[in-house]
Amino acid sequence: MATFMVQFSYTEQGVKGLLKDGGSKRREATEQLVKSLGGKLVAYYFAFGDYDGFAIVEGVDNVEAAAAALIVGASGSVKTKTTVLLTADEIDKATKKSGKYRAPGQ
């Protein structure tokens, strides 16, 4: 199974919910969603900057990750960006693969 980094930003509606419920409740809600899809919430952080927070999720595949993004997005309270994370071993395996490719213009 893959590991994903989910970057999230609250909409105005989401910020109001965060102010009402607090950060721990948001983490619990995220953990409940991830568990219900067969995964594990590895880390959950709030942040300053372009995103309001980050979550690391493992134990789900692309279908479950897409389902989570759709469920959260449909709430209208949170926008997400999901990135697949690769281990060093996975990159080592990728470097052993070969394939045919022609660069643009060549």
N, C-alpha and C. Protein backbone atom coordinates (compact mmCIF):
# COMPACT_ATOMS: atom_id res chain seq x y z
N MET A 1 0.83 -1.18 0.00
CA MET A 1 0.00 0.00 0.00
C MET A 1 0.88 1.25 0.00
N ALA A 2 0.34 2.31 -0.50
CA ALA A 2 1.08 3.55 -0.66
C ALA A 2 1.01 4.42 0.60
N THR A 3 1.87 5.43 0.61
CA THR A 3 1.86 6.45 1.64
C THR A 3 1.57 7.78 0.94
N PHE A 4 0.73 8.59 1.56
CA PHE A 4 0.31 9.86 0.96
C PHE A 4 0.53 11.00 1.94
N MET A 5 0.90 12.17 1.38
CA MET A 5 0.90 13.41 2.14
C MET A 5 -0.32 14.20 1.65
N VAL A 6 -1.18 14.55 2.58
CA VAL A 6 -2.36 15.34 2.25
C VAL A 6 -2.16 16.74 2.83
N GLN A 7 -2.15 17.72 1.96
CA GLN A 7 -2.08 19.11 2.37
C GLN A 7 -3.51 19.63 2.36
N PHE A 8 -3.91 20.34 3.41
CA PHE A 8 -5.29 20.80 3.46
C PHE A 8 -5.39 22.27 3.84
N SER A 9 -6.43 22.89 3.30
CA SER A 9 -6.75 24.29 3.60
C SER A 9 -8.24 24.38 3.89
N TYR A 10 -8.57 25.12 4.93
CA TYR A 10 -9.97 25.29 5.29
C TYR A 10 -10.61 26.40 4.48
N THR A 11 -11.85 26.20 4.10
CA THR A 11 -12.67 27.27 3.54
C THR A 11 -13.17 28.12 4.71
N GLU A 12 -13.87 29.18 4.43
CA GLU A 12 -14.44 30.00 5.51
C GLU A 12 -15.33 29.16 6.41
N GLN A 13 -16.13 28.30 5.80
CA GLN A 13 -17.01 27.40 6.56
C GLN A 13 -16.18 26.46 7.44
N GLY A 14 -15.09 25.96 6.90
CA GLY A 14 -14.22 25.06 7.65
C GLY A 14 -13.54 25.74 8.82
N VAL A 15 -13.10 26.98 8.65
CA VAL A 15 -12.47 27.73 9.74
C VAL A 15 -13.47 27.93 10.88
N LYS A 16 -14.72 28.21 10.54
CA LYS A 16 -15.74 28.37 11.58
C LYS A 16 -15.91 27.07 12.37
N GLY A 17 -15.89 25.94 11.67
CA GLY A 17 -15.98 24.65 12.35
C GLY A 17 -14.76 24.37 13.21
N LEU A 18 -13.59 24.73 12.71
CA LEU A 18 -12.35 24.56 13.48
C LEU A 18 -12.40 25.40 14.75
N LEU A 19 -12.84 26.63 14.63
CA LEU A 19 -12.95 27.50 15.82
C LEU A 19 -13.93 26.93 16.84
N LYS A 20 -14.99 26.30 16.36
CA LYS A 20 -16.00 25.73 17.25
C LYS A 20 -15.51 24.45 17.92
N ASP A 21 -14.91 23.55 17.13
CA ASP A 21 -14.56 22.21 17.62
C ASP A 21 -13.13 22.06 18.11
N GLY A 22 -12.21 22.88 17.60
CA GLY A 22 -10.81 22.76 17.98
C GLY A 22 -10.05 21.78 17.11
N GLY A 23 -8.74 21.83 17.22
CA GLY A 23 -7.85 21.01 16.39
C GLY A 23 -7.91 19.52 16.68
N SER A 24 -8.03 19.15 17.94
CA SER A 24 -8.06 17.72 18.29
C SER A 24 -9.26 17.02 17.67
N LYS A 25 -10.39 17.69 17.63
CA LYS A 25 -11.58 17.09 17.01
C LYS A 25 -11.39 16.91 15.52
N ARG A 26 -10.69 17.84 14.87
CA ARG A 26 -10.44 17.71 13.43
C ARG A 26 -9.50 16.54 13.17
N ARG A 27 -8.49 16.38 14.02
CA ARG A 27 -7.59 15.24 13.87
C ARG A 27 -8.36 13.94 14.05
N GLU A 28 -9.22 13.88 15.06
CA GLU A 28 -10.03 12.68 15.30
C GLU A 28 -10.93 12.36 14.11
N ALA A 29 -11.53 13.39 13.53
CA ALA A 29 -12.41 13.18 12.37
C ALA A 29 -11.61 12.64 11.19
N THR A 30 -10.41 13.16 11.00
CA THR A 30 -9.55 12.68 9.91
C THR A 30 -9.13 11.24 10.16
N GLU A 31 -8.75 10.95 11.39
CA GLU A 31 -8.34 9.58 11.73
C GLU A 31 -9.50 8.60 11.52
N GLN A 32 -10.70 8.99 11.88
CA GLN A 32 -11.88 8.14 11.70
C GLN A 32 -12.11 7.86 10.21
N LEU A 33 -11.99 8.89 9.37
CA LEU A 33 -12.16 8.69 7.92
C LEU A 33 -11.10 7.73 7.38
N VAL A 34 -9.86 7.97 7.74
CA VAL A 34 -8.76 7.13 7.24
C VAL A 34 -8.95 5.68 7.67
N LYS A 35 -9.28 5.46 8.94
CA LYS A 35 -9.51 4.10 9.44
C LYS A 35 -10.68 3.43 8.73
N SER A 36 -11.73 4.19 8.47
CA SER A 36 -12.91 3.61 7.82
C SER A 36 -12.60 3.16 6.39
N LEU A 37 -11.53 3.70 5.83
CA LEU A 37 -11.11 3.30 4.48
C LEU A 37 -9.96 2.30 4.50
N GLY A 38 -9.61 1.81 5.70
CA GLY A 38 -8.59 0.77 5.82
C GLY A 38 -7.18 1.27 6.01
N GLY A 39 -7.01 2.55 6.28
CA GLY A 39 -5.68 3.11 6.42
C GLY A 39 -5.33 3.51 7.83
N LYS A 40 -4.16 4.13 7.95
CA LYS A 40 -3.65 4.58 9.24
C LYS A 40 -3.19 6.03 9.10
N LEU A 41 -3.62 6.88 10.03
CA LEU A 41 -3.14 8.26 10.08
C LEU A 41 -1.82 8.26 10.84
N VAL A 42 -0.73 8.51 10.14
CA VAL A 42 0.61 8.45 10.72
C VAL A 42 0.96 9.75 11.43
N ALA A 43 0.62 10.88 10.82
CA ALA A 43 0.94 12.19 11.39
C ALA A 43 -0.13 13.19 10.96
N TYR A 44 -0.33 14.21 11.80
CA TYR A 44 -1.32 15.24 11.51
C TYR A 44 -0.82 16.53 12.16
N TYR A 45 -0.56 17.53 11.34
CA TYR A 45 -0.03 18.80 11.83
C TYR A 45 -0.80 19.97 11.25
N PHE A 46 -0.98 21.00 12.06
CA PHE A 46 -1.45 22.28 11.56
C PHE A 46 -0.23 23.11 11.21
N ALA A 47 -0.42 24.11 10.32
CA ALA A 47 0.73 24.87 9.84
C ALA A 47 0.33 26.28 9.48
N PHE A 48 1.34 27.14 9.36
CA PHE A 48 1.19 28.46 8.78
C PHE A 48 1.60 28.36 7.33
N GLY A 49 1.14 29.26 6.50
CA GLY A 49 1.61 29.30 5.12
C GLY A 49 0.51 29.00 4.12
N ASP A 50 0.92 28.40 3.01
CA ASP A 50 -0.02 28.13 1.92
C ASP A 50 -1.10 27.13 2.32
N TYR A 51 -0.80 26.23 3.24
CA TYR A 51 -1.75 25.22 3.69
C TYR A 51 -1.96 25.36 5.19
N ASP A 52 -3.16 25.00 5.63
CA ASP A 52 -3.48 25.06 7.05
C ASP A 52 -2.98 23.85 7.81
N GLY A 53 -2.65 22.79 7.08
CA GLY A 53 -2.13 21.60 7.75
C GLY A 53 -1.73 20.51 6.79
N PHE A 54 -1.15 19.46 7.38
CA PHE A 54 -0.62 18.33 6.64
C PHE A 54 -0.97 17.04 7.38
N ALA A 55 -1.28 16.01 6.61
CA ALA A 55 -1.51 14.68 7.19
C ALA A 55 -0.71 13.67 6.39
N ILE A 56 -0.14 12.69 7.08
CA ILE A 56 0.52 11.57 6.43
C ILE A 56 -0.34 10.35 6.67
N VAL A 57 -0.71 9.69 5.57
CA VAL A 57 -1.62 8.55 5.62
C VAL A 57 -0.95 7.37 4.93
N GLU A 58 -1.07 6.19 5.54
CA GLU A 58 -0.54 4.99 4.88
C GLU A 58 -1.56 3.87 4.96
N GLY A 59 -1.34 2.87 4.13
CA GLY A 59 -2.19 1.68 4.17
C GLY A 59 -3.41 1.75 3.29
N VAL A 60 -3.49 2.75 2.44
CA VAL A 60 -4.59 2.83 1.49
C VAL A 60 -4.00 2.83 0.08
N ASP A 61 -4.84 2.55 -0.90
CA ASP A 61 -4.36 2.62 -2.28
C ASP A 61 -4.97 3.85 -2.95
N ASN A 62 -4.75 3.99 -4.23
CA ASN A 62 -5.23 5.17 -4.95
C ASN A 62 -6.74 5.32 -4.89
N VAL A 63 -7.47 4.21 -4.91
CA VAL A 63 -8.93 4.27 -4.88
C VAL A 63 -9.40 4.83 -3.54
N GLU A 64 -8.86 4.33 -2.44
CA GLU A 64 -9.26 4.84 -1.12
C GLU A 64 -8.82 6.29 -0.94
N ALA A 65 -7.64 6.65 -1.44
CA ALA A 65 -7.19 8.04 -1.35
C ALA A 65 -8.12 8.96 -2.13
N ALA A 66 -8.54 8.51 -3.31
CA ALA A 66 -9.48 9.31 -4.11
C ALA A 66 -10.82 9.41 -3.39
N ALA A 67 -11.28 8.32 -2.79
CA ALA A 67 -12.54 8.35 -2.05
C ALA A 67 -12.47 9.35 -0.91
N ALA A 68 -11.37 9.35 -0.18
CA ALA A 68 -11.21 10.29 0.93
C ALA A 68 -11.25 11.73 0.42
N ALA A 69 -10.54 12.00 -0.68
CA ALA A 69 -10.53 13.35 -1.24
C ALA A 69 -11.93 13.79 -1.67
N LEU A 70 -12.68 12.87 -2.26
CA LEU A 70 -14.04 13.19 -2.69
C LEU A 70 -14.96 13.45 -1.49
N ILE A 71 -14.84 12.62 -0.47
CA ILE A 71 -15.67 12.77 0.73
C ILE A 71 -15.39 14.11 1.41
N VAL A 72 -14.11 14.42 1.58
CA VAL A 72 -13.73 15.67 2.24
C VAL A 72 -14.11 16.87 1.36
N GLY A 73 -13.83 16.78 0.07
CA GLY A 73 -14.15 17.88 -0.83
C GLY A 73 -15.63 18.18 -0.90
N ALA A 74 -16.45 17.14 -0.85
CA ALA A 74 -17.90 17.31 -0.92
C ALA A 74 -18.46 18.05 0.29
N SER A 75 -17.70 18.07 1.38
CA SER A 75 -18.17 18.78 2.58
C SER A 75 -18.20 20.29 2.37
N GLY A 76 -17.37 20.77 1.44
CA GLY A 76 -17.29 22.21 1.22
C GLY A 76 -16.49 22.96 2.26
N SER A 77 -15.92 22.24 3.23
CA SER A 77 -15.20 22.87 4.34
C SER A 77 -13.69 22.83 4.20
N VAL A 78 -13.20 21.93 3.36
CA VAL A 78 -11.76 21.72 3.26
C VAL A 78 -11.39 21.46 1.81
N LYS A 79 -10.26 22.04 1.39
CA LYS A 79 -9.68 21.75 0.09
C LYS A 79 -8.40 20.97 0.35
N THR A 80 -8.15 19.94 -0.47
CA THR A 80 -6.97 19.10 -0.25
C THR A 80 -6.12 18.98 -1.51
N LYS A 81 -4.86 18.67 -1.28
CA LYS A 81 -3.92 18.31 -2.34
C LYS A 81 -3.20 17.07 -1.83
N THR A 82 -3.28 15.99 -2.59
CA THR A 82 -2.71 14.71 -2.15
C THR A 82 -1.51 14.36 -3.01
N THR A 83 -0.41 13.98 -2.36
CA THR A 83 0.83 13.62 -3.03
C THR A 83 1.23 12.21 -2.60
N VAL A 84 1.53 11.35 -3.58
CA VAL A 84 2.04 10.01 -3.26
C VAL A 84 3.49 10.15 -2.81
N LEU A 85 3.83 9.51 -1.71
CA LEU A 85 5.20 9.52 -1.21
C LEU A 85 5.86 8.17 -1.51
N LEU A 86 7.10 8.22 -1.94
CA LEU A 86 7.84 7.01 -2.30
C LEU A 86 9.01 6.82 -1.36
N THR A 87 9.27 5.58 -0.99
CA THR A 87 10.42 5.29 -0.14
C THR A 87 11.69 5.24 -0.99
N ALA A 88 12.84 5.27 -0.33
CA ALA A 88 14.11 5.14 -1.04
C ALA A 88 14.18 3.79 -1.76
N ASP A 89 13.67 2.74 -1.14
CA ASP A 89 13.67 1.41 -1.78
C ASP A 89 12.83 1.40 -3.06
N GLU A 90 11.70 2.09 -3.03
CA GLU A 90 10.86 2.16 -4.23
C GLU A 90 11.59 2.90 -5.36
N ILE A 91 12.31 3.96 -5.02
CA ILE A 91 13.09 4.67 -6.03
C ILE A 91 14.23 3.79 -6.54
N ASP A 92 14.86 3.04 -5.64
CA ASP A 92 15.90 2.09 -6.07
C ASP A 92 15.35 1.11 -7.10
N LYS A 93 14.17 0.59 -6.85
CA LYS A 93 13.53 -0.34 -7.80
C LYS A 93 13.22 0.37 -9.11
N ALA A 94 12.77 1.61 -9.04
CA ALA A 94 12.44 2.37 -10.25
C ALA A 94 13.68 2.60 -11.10
N THR A 95 14.82 2.81 -10.44
CA THR A 95 16.05 3.07 -11.21
C THR A 95 16.53 1.83 -11.95
N LYS A 96 16.04 0.67 -11.57
CA LYS A 96 16.42 -0.59 -12.23
C LYS A 96 15.54 -0.89 -13.45
N LYS A 97 14.46 -0.14 -13.60
CA LYS A 97 13.54 -0.34 -14.72
C LYS A 97 14.06 0.39 -15.95
N SER A 98 13.69 -0.13 -17.11
CA SER A 98 14.04 0.57 -18.35
C SER A 98 12.79 0.63 -19.22
N GLY A 99 12.78 1.58 -20.09
CA GLY A 99 11.65 1.75 -20.99
C GLY A 99 12.08 2.58 -22.19
N LYS A 100 11.29 2.54 -23.23
CA LYS A 100 11.60 3.31 -24.43
C LYS A 100 10.90 4.66 -24.34
N TYR A 101 11.65 5.71 -24.68
CA TYR A 101 11.12 7.06 -24.59
C TYR A 101 11.83 7.94 -25.61
N ARG A 102 11.07 8.83 -26.22
CA ARG A 102 11.63 9.82 -27.14
C ARG A 102 11.27 11.18 -26.58
N ALA A 103 12.28 12.01 -26.33
CA ALA A 103 12.05 13.35 -25.78
C ALA A 103 11.36 14.22 -26.83
N PRO A 104 10.59 15.22 -26.39
CA PRO A 104 9.94 16.11 -27.34
C PRO A 104 10.94 16.77 -28.29
N GLY A 105 10.63 16.80 -29.56
CA GLY A 105 11.49 17.45 -30.54
C GLY A 105 12.64 16.60 -31.04
N GLN A 106 12.73 15.38 -30.59
CA GLN A 106 13.86 14.53 -31.04
C GLN A 106 13.37 13.46 -31.99
